[in-house]
Amino acid sequence: MTKAELVNAIAIETGYDKVTILNIVESGMNQIKRSVAKNESVYLRSFGSFIAKQRKEKIARDISKNISVVVPAHKVPAFKPAAEFAKAVL
């Protein structure tokens, strides 16, 4: 499902216009991005959590130059589904 399809489905279900729904969806996604970027977790009950995971420094290979490269420690965004969400998918 794309963002446009999500907006359309919500608009049909709620009866609100698509422009309003699009603004709400965009605002929600921006708030989640800002929070995770500040290393704050976002918990949505019965849906899941958006978190920033810390990756350790590691050695990788650049196969085109055949050399070792150090990949520094960094954060990556992650999503952990709630138990109810995971059960619904199974």
C-alpha atoms as a PDB file:
ATOM      1  CA  MET A   1       0.000   0.000   0.000  1.00  0.00           C
ATOM      2  CA  THR A   2       1.362   3.403  -0.960  1.00  0.00           C
ATOM      3  CA  LYS A   3       0.878   6.629   0.963  1.00  0.00           C
ATOM      4  CA  ALA A   4      -1.713   7.746  -1.599  1.00  0.00           C
ATOM      5  CA  GLU A   5      -3.638   4.489  -1.161  1.00  0.00           C
ATOM      6  CA  LEU A   6      -3.475   4.865   2.622  1.00  0.00           C
ATOM      7  CA  VAL A   7      -4.794   8.436   2.422  1.00  0.00           C
ATOM      8  CA  ASN A   8      -7.586   7.325   0.094  1.00  0.00           C
ATOM      9  CA  ALA A   9      -8.604   4.433   2.393  1.00  0.00           C
ATOM     10  CA  ILE A  10      -8.672   6.694   5.459  1.00  0.00           C
ATOM     11  CA  ALA A  11     -10.664   9.339   3.572  1.00  0.00           C
ATOM     12  CA  ILE A  12     -13.269   6.761   2.543  1.00  0.00           C
ATOM     13  CA  GLU A  13     -13.473   5.290   6.055  1.00  0.00           C
ATOM     14  CA  THR A  14     -13.735   8.625   7.892  1.00  0.00           C
ATOM     15  CA  GLY A  15     -15.500  10.809   5.350  1.00  0.00           C
ATOM     16  CA  TYR A  16     -12.856  13.568   5.564  1.00  0.00           C
ATOM     17  CA  ASP A  17     -11.355  15.040   2.410  1.00  0.00           C
ATOM     18  CA  LYS A  18      -8.068  13.646   1.073  1.00  0.00           C
ATOM     19  CA  VAL A  19      -6.133  16.907   1.494  1.00  0.00           C
ATOM     20  CA  THR A  20      -6.877  16.999   5.227  1.00  0.00           C
ATOM     21  CA  ILE A  21      -5.966  13.322   5.635  1.00  0.00           C
ATOM     22  CA  LEU A  22      -2.737  13.788   3.642  1.00  0.00           C
ATOM     23  CA  ASN A  23      -1.704  16.696   5.901  1.00  0.00           C
ATOM     24  CA  ILE A  24      -2.392  14.588   9.006  1.00  0.00           C
ATOM     25  CA  VAL A  25      -0.481  11.571   7.682  1.00  0.00           C
ATOM     26  CA  GLU A  26       2.487  13.756   6.630  1.00  0.00           C
ATOM     27  CA  SER A  27       2.509  15.509  10.003  1.00  0.00           C
ATOM     28  CA  GLY A  28       2.431  12.179  11.848  1.00  0.00           C
ATOM     29  CA  MET A  29       5.317  10.790   9.812  1.00  0.00           C
ATOM     30  CA  ASN A  30       7.343  13.983  10.354  1.00  0.00           C
ATOM     31  CA  GLN A  31       6.778  13.824  14.112  1.00  0.00           C
ATOM     32  CA  ILE A  32       7.920  10.184  14.195  1.00  0.00           C
ATOM     33  CA  LYS A  33      11.051  11.030  12.142  1.00  0.00           C
ATOM     34  CA  ARG A  34      11.941  13.958  14.403  1.00  0.00           C
ATOM     35  CA  SER A  35      11.481  11.922  17.579  1.00  0.00           C
ATOM     36  CA  VAL A  36      13.537   8.956  16.376  1.00  0.00           C
ATOM     37  CA  ALA A  37      16.253  11.340  15.095  1.00  0.00           C
ATOM     38  CA  LYS A  38      16.447  12.784  18.645  1.00  0.00           C
ATOM     39  CA  ASN A  39      16.850   9.199  19.939  1.00  0.00           C
ATOM     40  CA  GLU A  40      13.330   9.206  21.426  1.00  0.00           C
ATOM     41  CA  SER A  41      11.158   6.127  20.940  1.00  0.00           C
ATOM     42  CA  VAL A  42       7.598   6.455  19.658  1.00  0.00           C
ATOM     43  CA  TYR A  43       5.186   3.931  21.221  1.00  0.00           C
ATOM     44  CA  LEU A  44       1.813   3.347  19.565  1.00  0.00           C
ATOM     45  CA  ARG A  45      -0.247   1.008  21.751  1.00  0.00           C
ATOM     46  CA  SER A  46      -1.374  -2.184  19.943  1.00  0.00           C
ATOM     47  CA  PHE A  47       0.597  -1.123  16.828  1.00  0.00           C
ATOM     48  CA  GLY A  48       4.312  -1.003  17.663  1.00  0.00           C
ATOM     49  CA  SER A  49       7.353   1.109  18.457  1.00  0.00           C
ATOM     50  CA  PHE A  50       9.616   3.221  16.284  1.00  0.00           C
ATOM     51  CA  ILE A  51      13.105   3.247  17.781  1.00  0.00           C
ATOM     52  CA  ALA A  52      16.710   4.182  16.948  1.00  0.00           C
ATOM     53  CA  LYS A  53      19.039   1.178  17.198  1.00  0.00           C
ATOM     54  CA  GLN A  54      22.752   1.660  17.776  1.00  0.00           C
ATOM     55  CA  ARG A  55      25.077  -0.262  15.445  1.00  0.00           C
ATOM     56  CA  LYS A  56      28.633  -1.020  16.551  1.00  0.00           C
ATOM     57  CA  GLU A  57      31.742  -0.052  14.616  1.00  0.00           C
ATOM     58  CA  LYS A  58      32.809  -2.816  12.235  1.00  0.00           C
ATOM     59  CA  ILE A  59      35.297  -3.707   9.536  1.00  0.00           C
ATOM     60  CA  ALA A  60      33.905  -4.095   6.001  1.00  0.00           C
ATOM     61  CA  ARG A  61      35.461  -4.827   2.616  1.00  0.00           C
ATOM     62  CA  ASP A  62      35.498  -2.585  -0.443  1.00  0.00           C
ATOM     63  CA  ILE A  63      35.609  -5.364  -3.025  1.00  0.00           C
ATOM     64  CA  SER A  64      36.241  -3.057  -5.973  1.00  0.00           C
ATOM     65  CA  LYS A  65      39.497  -1.788  -4.399  1.00  0.00           C
ATOM     66  CA  ASN A  66      40.157  -4.941  -2.334  1.00  0.00           C
ATOM     67  CA  ILE A  67      40.733  -3.003   0.902  1.00  0.00           C
ATOM     68  CA  SER A  68      39.297  -3.073   4.411  1.00  0.00           C
ATOM     69  CA  VAL A  69      37.170  -0.133   5.480  1.00  0.00           C
ATOM     70  CA  VAL A  70      36.071   0.859   8.983  1.00  0.00           C
ATOM     71  CA  VAL A  71      32.349   1.537   9.223  1.00  0.00           C
ATOM     72  CA  PRO A  72      31.862   3.821  12.246  1.00  0.00           C
ATOM     73  CA  ALA A  73      29.224   3.245  14.919  1.00  0.00           C
ATOM     74  CA  HIS A  74      25.894   4.728  13.874  1.00  0.00           C
ATOM     75  CA  LYS A  75      22.157   4.726  14.576  1.00  0.00           C
ATOM     76  CA  VAL A  76      19.530   3.190  12.292  1.00  0.00           C
ATOM     77  CA  PRO A  77      15.744   3.555  12.521  1.00  0.00           C
ATOM     78  CA  ALA A  78      13.786   0.410  13.366  1.00  0.00           C
ATOM     79  CA  PHE A  79      10.195  -0.689  13.940  1.00  0.00           C
ATOM     80  CA  LYS A  80       9.165  -3.306  16.500  1.00  0.00           C
ATOM     81  CA  PRO A  81       5.558  -4.475  16.066  1.00  0.00           C
ATOM     82  CA  ALA A  82       3.322  -4.930  19.096  1.00  0.00           C
ATOM     83  CA  ALA A  83       2.153  -8.453  19.956  1.00  0.00           C
ATOM     84  CA  GLU A  84      -1.370  -7.708  18.672  1.00  0.00           C
ATOM     85  CA  PHE A  85       0.054  -6.469  15.360  1.00  0.00           C
ATOM     86  CA  ALA A  86       2.275  -9.547  14.999  1.00  0.00           C
ATOM     87  CA  LYS A  87      -0.644 -11.920  15.733  1.00  0.00           C
ATOM     88  CA  ALA A  88      -2.817 -10.185  13.121  1.00  0.00           C
ATOM     89  CA  VAL A  89      -0.145 -10.711  10.466  1.00  0.00           C
ATOM     90  CA  LEU A  90       0.311 -14.419  11.204  1.00  0.00           C
END
